[in-house]
Amino acid sequence: MTDFEFPEKLKNFKIYMVGIKGTGMTALAELLVSRGAVITGSDVPDIFYTDRILNAIGIKPYIGFKPENLGKDIKLVIHSSAYSAETNPELIEAQKRGLPVLLYSEALGLFPRRAIPQE
């Protein structure tokens, strides 16, 4: 497990999500956005029903996985279990930068119930 804790206020907290089009990842992105977090992310080029959901909340995922997709001001990286921290270029870059990297399931478990909704 990790010692990462979400801040109480997520407004403008920048999170990058690898594999963002997955059903659970999209649902987590919706939850985080509703609390004020700024979400970016990446996935494969295939079209999923979640593309519509992401578009509706203002997220246009990067297609493909490139280290340069990670903005300089990212504070947390969350990834689907479909992608390995040993082989995914974005996750490797996040580790090089010393960013906290969480699996989707870890992030969901750590999400604070007390997080204040976006004002």
N, C-alpha and C. Protein backbone atom coordinates (compact mmCIF):
# COMPACT_ATOMS: atom_id res chain seq x y z
N MET A 1 0.84 -1.19 0.00
CA MET A 1 0.00 0.00 0.00
C MET A 1 0.88 1.24 0.00
N THR A 2 0.28 2.38 -0.06
CA THR A 2 1.01 3.63 -0.18
C THR A 2 0.70 4.54 1.00
N ASP A 3 1.54 5.53 1.19
CA ASP A 3 1.26 6.50 2.25
C ASP A 3 0.61 7.76 1.68
N PHE A 4 0.20 7.71 0.41
CA PHE A 4 -0.47 8.84 -0.20
C PHE A 4 -1.83 9.08 0.44
N GLU A 5 -2.18 10.35 0.62
CA GLU A 5 -3.51 10.73 1.07
C GLU A 5 -4.01 11.84 0.17
N PHE A 6 -5.27 11.73 -0.25
CA PHE A 6 -5.87 12.80 -1.02
C PHE A 6 -5.99 14.03 -0.14
N PRO A 7 -5.78 15.22 -0.71
CA PRO A 7 -6.01 16.43 0.08
C PRO A 7 -7.50 16.57 0.37
N GLU A 8 -7.83 17.25 1.45
CA GLU A 8 -9.24 17.43 1.80
C GLU A 8 -9.98 18.18 0.71
N LYS A 9 -9.34 19.19 0.15
CA LYS A 9 -9.95 19.95 -0.94
C LYS A 9 -9.24 19.56 -2.24
N LEU A 10 -10.00 19.06 -3.17
CA LEU A 10 -9.43 18.61 -4.45
C LEU A 10 -9.47 19.68 -5.54
N LYS A 11 -10.05 20.83 -5.23
CA LYS A 11 -10.16 21.88 -6.25
C LYS A 11 -8.79 22.19 -6.84
N ASN A 12 -8.69 22.04 -8.17
CA ASN A 12 -7.48 22.29 -8.95
C ASN A 12 -6.34 21.30 -8.70
N PHE A 13 -6.60 20.22 -7.99
CA PHE A 13 -5.60 19.16 -7.78
C PHE A 13 -5.51 18.38 -9.09
N LYS A 14 -4.32 18.31 -9.68
CA LYS A 14 -4.14 17.75 -11.02
C LYS A 14 -3.76 16.28 -10.98
N ILE A 15 -4.62 15.49 -11.62
CA ILE A 15 -4.47 14.03 -11.62
C ILE A 15 -4.44 13.53 -13.05
N TYR A 16 -3.53 12.61 -13.32
CA TYR A 16 -3.42 11.98 -14.64
C TYR A 16 -3.85 10.52 -14.51
N MET A 17 -4.70 10.07 -15.44
CA MET A 17 -5.24 8.71 -15.36
C MET A 17 -4.86 7.90 -16.61
N VAL A 18 -4.12 6.83 -16.40
CA VAL A 18 -3.67 5.94 -17.48
C VAL A 18 -4.69 4.81 -17.62
N GLY A 19 -5.32 4.74 -18.81
CA GLY A 19 -6.40 3.79 -19.02
C GLY A 19 -7.73 4.39 -18.61
N ILE A 20 -7.89 5.67 -18.86
CA ILE A 20 -9.03 6.44 -18.38
C ILE A 20 -10.38 6.02 -18.95
N LYS A 21 -10.37 5.32 -20.09
CA LYS A 21 -11.63 4.93 -20.72
C LYS A 21 -12.31 3.72 -20.09
N GLY A 22 -11.63 3.04 -19.18
CA GLY A 22 -12.24 1.90 -18.51
C GLY A 22 -13.45 2.35 -17.69
N THR A 23 -14.39 1.47 -17.50
CA THR A 23 -15.63 1.80 -16.80
C THR A 23 -15.36 2.36 -15.39
N GLY A 24 -14.55 1.66 -14.62
CA GLY A 24 -14.24 2.12 -13.27
C GLY A 24 -13.42 3.40 -13.26
N MET A 25 -12.47 3.48 -14.17
CA MET A 25 -11.63 4.69 -14.25
C MET A 25 -12.48 5.91 -14.62
N THR A 26 -13.40 5.74 -15.56
CA THR A 26 -14.26 6.85 -15.95
C THR A 26 -15.14 7.27 -14.78
N ALA A 27 -15.69 6.30 -14.06
CA ALA A 27 -16.52 6.62 -12.89
C ALA A 27 -15.71 7.38 -11.84
N LEU A 28 -14.47 6.95 -11.61
CA LEU A 28 -13.61 7.64 -10.66
C LEU A 28 -13.30 9.05 -11.16
N ALA A 29 -13.05 9.20 -12.46
CA ALA A 29 -12.80 10.54 -13.03
C ALA A 29 -14.01 11.45 -12.78
N GLU A 30 -15.22 10.92 -12.98
CA GLU A 30 -16.43 11.71 -12.71
C GLU A 30 -16.48 12.16 -11.26
N LEU A 31 -16.18 11.25 -10.36
CA LEU A 31 -16.20 11.56 -8.93
C LEU A 31 -15.16 12.64 -8.60
N LEU A 32 -13.96 12.47 -9.12
CA LEU A 32 -12.89 13.44 -8.86
C LEU A 32 -13.21 14.81 -9.43
N VAL A 33 -13.74 14.85 -10.65
CA VAL A 33 -14.12 16.12 -11.26
C VAL A 33 -15.22 16.80 -10.43
N SER A 34 -16.16 16.02 -9.93
CA SER A 34 -17.25 16.59 -9.13
C SER A 34 -16.72 17.24 -7.85
N ARG A 35 -15.53 16.83 -7.43
CA ARG A 35 -14.90 17.39 -6.24
C ARG A 35 -13.91 18.50 -6.58
N GLY A 36 -13.82 18.84 -7.89
CA GLY A 36 -12.98 19.97 -8.29
C GLY A 36 -11.62 19.62 -8.84
N ALA A 37 -11.26 18.33 -8.88
CA ALA A 37 -9.95 17.93 -9.42
C ALA A 37 -9.90 18.20 -10.92
N VAL A 38 -8.70 18.42 -11.41
CA VAL A 38 -8.47 18.62 -12.84
C VAL A 38 -7.89 17.31 -13.36
N ILE A 39 -8.62 16.67 -14.27
CA ILE A 39 -8.25 15.33 -14.74
C ILE A 39 -7.81 15.36 -16.19
N THR A 40 -6.68 14.72 -16.46
CA THR A 40 -6.24 14.42 -17.81
C THR A 40 -5.92 12.93 -17.82
N GLY A 41 -5.76 12.37 -19.01
CA GLY A 41 -5.45 10.96 -19.05
C GLY A 41 -5.25 10.46 -20.46
N SER A 42 -5.02 9.17 -20.56
CA SER A 42 -4.72 8.55 -21.85
C SER A 42 -5.34 7.17 -21.94
N ASP A 43 -5.44 6.70 -23.18
CA ASP A 43 -5.93 5.34 -23.40
C ASP A 43 -5.68 4.97 -24.86
N VAL A 44 -6.19 3.82 -25.23
CA VAL A 44 -6.04 3.29 -26.59
C VAL A 44 -6.97 4.05 -27.53
N PRO A 45 -6.75 3.93 -28.86
CA PRO A 45 -7.59 4.67 -29.81
C PRO A 45 -9.00 4.12 -29.99
N ASP A 46 -9.28 2.91 -29.54
CA ASP A 46 -10.61 2.32 -29.70
C ASP A 46 -11.67 3.24 -29.09
N ILE A 47 -12.86 3.20 -29.67
CA ILE A 47 -13.97 4.00 -29.16
C ILE A 47 -14.76 3.15 -28.16
N PHE A 48 -15.01 3.72 -26.99
CA PHE A 48 -15.78 3.08 -25.94
C PHE A 48 -16.98 3.95 -25.60
N TYR A 49 -17.99 3.37 -24.97
CA TYR A 49 -19.14 4.17 -24.55
C TYR A 49 -18.71 5.24 -23.55
N THR A 50 -17.61 5.02 -22.86
CA THR A 50 -17.12 5.99 -21.87
C THR A 50 -16.57 7.26 -22.51
N ASP A 51 -16.25 7.21 -23.81
CA ASP A 51 -15.78 8.42 -24.50
C ASP A 51 -16.82 9.55 -24.36
N ARG A 52 -18.10 9.19 -24.50
CA ARG A 52 -19.18 10.18 -24.38
C ARG A 52 -19.23 10.77 -22.97
N ILE A 53 -19.07 9.91 -21.98
CA ILE A 53 -19.10 10.36 -20.59
C ILE A 53 -17.94 11.30 -20.31
N LEU A 54 -16.74 10.90 -20.74
CA LEU A 54 -15.55 11.73 -20.52
C LEU A 54 -15.71 13.07 -21.22
N ASN A 55 -16.20 13.05 -22.43
CA ASN A 55 -16.42 14.29 -23.19
C ASN A 55 -17.39 15.20 -22.44
N ALA A 56 -18.44 14.62 -21.86
CA ALA A 56 -19.46 15.40 -21.15
C ALA A 56 -18.90 16.11 -19.92
N ILE A 57 -17.84 15.56 -19.33
CA ILE A 57 -17.23 16.21 -18.16
C ILE A 57 -15.94 16.96 -18.53
N GLY A 58 -15.74 17.15 -19.84
CA GLY A 58 -14.63 17.99 -20.30
C GLY A 58 -13.29 17.31 -20.40
N ILE A 59 -13.26 15.99 -20.50
CA ILE A 59 -11.99 15.27 -20.61
C ILE A 59 -11.86 14.67 -22.00
N LYS A 60 -10.78 15.04 -22.68
CA LYS A 60 -10.46 14.46 -23.99
C LYS A 60 -9.15 13.70 -23.81
N PRO A 61 -9.22 12.38 -23.69
CA PRO A 61 -7.99 11.61 -23.43
C PRO A 61 -6.97 11.70 -24.56
N TYR A 62 -5.72 11.64 -24.16
CA TYR A 62 -4.64 11.46 -25.14
C TYR A 62 -4.79 10.06 -25.70
N ILE A 63 -4.49 9.91 -26.96
CA ILE A 63 -4.51 8.59 -27.59
C ILE A 63 -3.08 8.06 -27.60
N GLY A 64 -2.88 6.92 -26.97
CA GLY A 64 -1.54 6.35 -26.85
C GLY A 64 -0.89 6.80 -25.55
N PHE A 65 0.25 6.20 -25.28
CA PHE A 65 0.93 6.40 -24.00
C PHE A 65 2.33 6.95 -24.25
N LYS A 66 2.51 8.23 -23.95
CA LYS A 66 3.78 8.91 -24.17
C LYS A 66 4.16 9.68 -22.92
N PRO A 67 5.42 9.64 -22.53
CA PRO A 67 5.85 10.37 -21.33
C PRO A 67 5.49 11.85 -21.38
N GLU A 68 5.53 12.45 -22.57
CA GLU A 68 5.24 13.88 -22.68
C GLU A 68 3.76 14.21 -22.44
N ASN A 69 2.90 13.21 -22.39
CA ASN A 69 1.49 13.46 -22.07
C ASN A 69 1.31 13.92 -20.62
N LEU A 70 2.23 13.54 -19.76
CA LEU A 70 2.15 13.94 -18.35
C LEU A 70 2.55 15.39 -18.20
N GLY A 71 1.59 16.24 -17.85
CA GLY A 71 1.90 17.65 -17.64
C GLY A 71 2.89 17.83 -16.50
N LYS A 72 3.56 18.94 -16.51
CA LYS A 72 4.58 19.22 -15.48
C LYS A 72 3.99 19.44 -14.10
N ASP A 73 2.69 19.77 -14.05
CA ASP A 73 2.08 20.10 -12.76
C ASP A 73 1.18 18.99 -12.20
N ILE A 74 1.32 17.78 -12.72
CA ILE A 74 0.55 16.64 -12.23
C ILE A 74 1.00 16.30 -10.80
N LYS A 75 0.02 16.04 -9.93
CA LYS A 75 0.31 15.73 -8.52
C LYS A 75 0.12 14.25 -8.19
N LEU A 76 -0.63 13.52 -9.05
CA LEU A 76 -0.95 12.12 -8.78
C LEU A 76 -1.23 11.43 -10.11
N VAL A 77 -0.80 10.17 -10.21
CA VAL A 77 -1.11 9.35 -11.38
C VAL A 77 -1.87 8.12 -10.89
N ILE A 78 -3.00 7.87 -11.54
CA ILE A 78 -3.82 6.70 -11.23
C ILE A 78 -3.87 5.85 -12.49
N HIS A 79 -3.71 4.52 -12.35
CA HIS A 79 -3.72 3.69 -13.55
C HIS A 79 -4.58 2.45 -13.38
N SER A 80 -5.09 2.02 -14.52
CA SER A 80 -5.86 0.79 -14.61
C SER A 80 -4.91 -0.39 -14.41
N SER A 81 -5.44 -1.49 -13.92
CA SER A 81 -4.60 -2.69 -13.76
C SER A 81 -4.23 -3.29 -15.11
N ALA A 82 -4.80 -2.77 -16.19
CA ALA A 82 -4.44 -3.23 -17.53
C ALA A 82 -3.04 -2.76 -17.93
N TYR A 83 -2.48 -1.81 -17.18
CA TYR A 83 -1.17 -1.23 -17.52
C TYR A 83 -0.20 -1.41 -16.38
N SER A 84 1.01 -1.79 -16.75
CA SER A 84 2.05 -2.11 -15.78
C SER A 84 2.99 -0.94 -15.55
N ALA A 85 3.32 -0.70 -14.31
CA ALA A 85 4.28 0.34 -13.96
C ALA A 85 5.68 0.02 -14.48
N GLU A 86 5.91 -1.23 -14.85
CA GLU A 86 7.23 -1.63 -15.38
C GLU A 86 7.35 -1.41 -16.89
N THR A 87 6.21 -1.36 -17.60
CA THR A 87 6.28 -1.28 -19.07
C THR A 87 5.58 -0.08 -19.69
N ASN A 88 4.65 0.55 -19.00
CA ASN A 88 3.95 1.69 -19.59
C ASN A 88 4.82 2.94 -19.52
N PRO A 89 5.07 3.60 -20.66
CA PRO A 89 5.97 4.76 -20.67
C PRO A 89 5.52 5.91 -19.76
N GLU A 90 4.22 6.12 -19.63
CA GLU A 90 3.76 7.20 -18.77
C GLU A 90 3.97 6.86 -17.30
N LEU A 91 3.75 5.63 -16.93
CA LEU A 91 3.96 5.22 -15.54
C LEU A 91 5.45 5.22 -15.19
N ILE A 92 6.27 4.85 -16.14
CA ILE A 92 7.73 4.91 -15.92
C ILE A 92 8.15 6.36 -15.71
N GLU A 93 7.62 7.27 -16.52
CA GLU A 93 7.93 8.70 -16.37
C GLU A 93 7.46 9.23 -15.02
N ALA A 94 6.27 8.84 -14.60
CA ALA A 94 5.75 9.29 -13.30
C ALA A 94 6.67 8.83 -12.17
N GLN A 95 7.14 7.60 -12.25
CA GLN A 95 8.05 7.09 -11.22
C GLN A 95 9.37 7.85 -11.24
N LYS A 96 9.89 8.16 -12.44
CA LYS A 96 11.13 8.94 -12.55
C LYS A 96 10.99 10.28 -11.86
N ARG A 97 9.81 10.89 -11.99
CA ARG A 97 9.56 12.20 -11.38
C ARG A 97 9.25 12.11 -9.89
N GLY A 98 9.10 10.90 -9.39
CA GLY A 98 8.78 10.74 -7.97
C GLY A 98 7.33 11.04 -7.64
N LEU A 99 6.45 10.96 -8.63
CA LEU A 99 5.03 11.21 -8.40
C LEU A 99 4.38 10.01 -7.71
N PRO A 100 3.38 10.24 -6.90
CA PRO A 100 2.64 9.10 -6.36
C PRO A 100 1.89 8.42 -7.51
N VAL A 101 1.97 7.10 -7.57
CA VAL A 101 1.31 6.30 -8.60
C VAL A 101 0.43 5.28 -7.89
N LEU A 102 -0.86 5.31 -8.19
CA LEU A 102 -1.81 4.40 -7.55
C LEU A 102 -2.55 3.58 -8.59
N LEU A 103 -2.80 2.33 -8.27
CA LEU A 103 -3.74 1.54 -9.04
C LEU A 103 -5.14 2.12 -8.82
N TYR A 104 -6.01 1.92 -9.78
CA TYR A 104 -7.40 2.36 -9.65
C TYR A 104 -8.00 1.89 -8.31
N SER A 105 -7.81 0.63 -7.99
CA SER A 105 -8.39 0.08 -6.76
C SER A 105 -7.82 0.75 -5.51
N GLU A 106 -6.54 1.09 -5.54
CA GLU A 106 -5.94 1.81 -4.40
C GLU A 106 -6.54 3.21 -4.28
N ALA A 107 -6.63 3.90 -5.41
CA ALA A 107 -7.16 5.27 -5.41
C ALA A 107 -8.60 5.28 -4.90
N LEU A 108 -9.38 4.32 -5.35
CA LEU A 108 -10.77 4.24 -4.91
C LEU A 108 -10.85 4.01 -3.41
N GLY A 109 -10.00 3.13 -2.90
CA GLY A 109 -9.97 2.85 -1.47
C GLY A 109 -9.50 4.03 -0.64
N LEU A 110 -8.64 4.87 -1.21
CA LEU A 110 -8.11 6.01 -0.48
C LEU A 110 -8.95 7.27 -0.64
N PHE A 111 -9.89 7.24 -1.58
CA PHE A 111 -10.69 8.45 -1.82
C PHE A 111 -11.40 8.85 -0.54
N PRO A 112 -11.20 10.07 -0.12
CA PRO A 112 -11.76 10.49 1.16
C PRO A 112 -13.26 10.75 1.09
N ARG A 113 -13.98 10.17 2.00
CA ARG A 113 -15.41 10.43 2.08
C ARG A 113 -15.67 11.87 2.49
N ARG A 114 -14.72 12.45 3.16
CA ARG A 114 -14.90 13.81 3.66
C ARG A 114 -14.54 14.86 2.61
N ALA A 115 -14.07 14.45 1.43
CA ALA A 115 -13.66 15.42 0.41
C ALA A 115 -14.80 16.38 0.13
N ILE A 116 -14.45 17.63 0.11
CA ILE A 116 -15.44 18.69 -0.07
C ILE A 116 -15.81 18.81 -1.55
N PRO A 117 -17.12 18.77 -1.87
CA PRO A 117 -17.52 18.93 -3.28
C PRO A 117 -17.07 20.27 -3.84
N GLN A 118 -16.95 20.31 -5.16
CA GLN A 118 -16.55 21.54 -5.86
C GLN A 118 -17.53 22.65 -5.52
N GLU A 119 -17.00 23.83 -5.29
CA GLU A 119 -17.85 24.98 -4.93
C GLU A 119 -18.19 25.78 -6.16
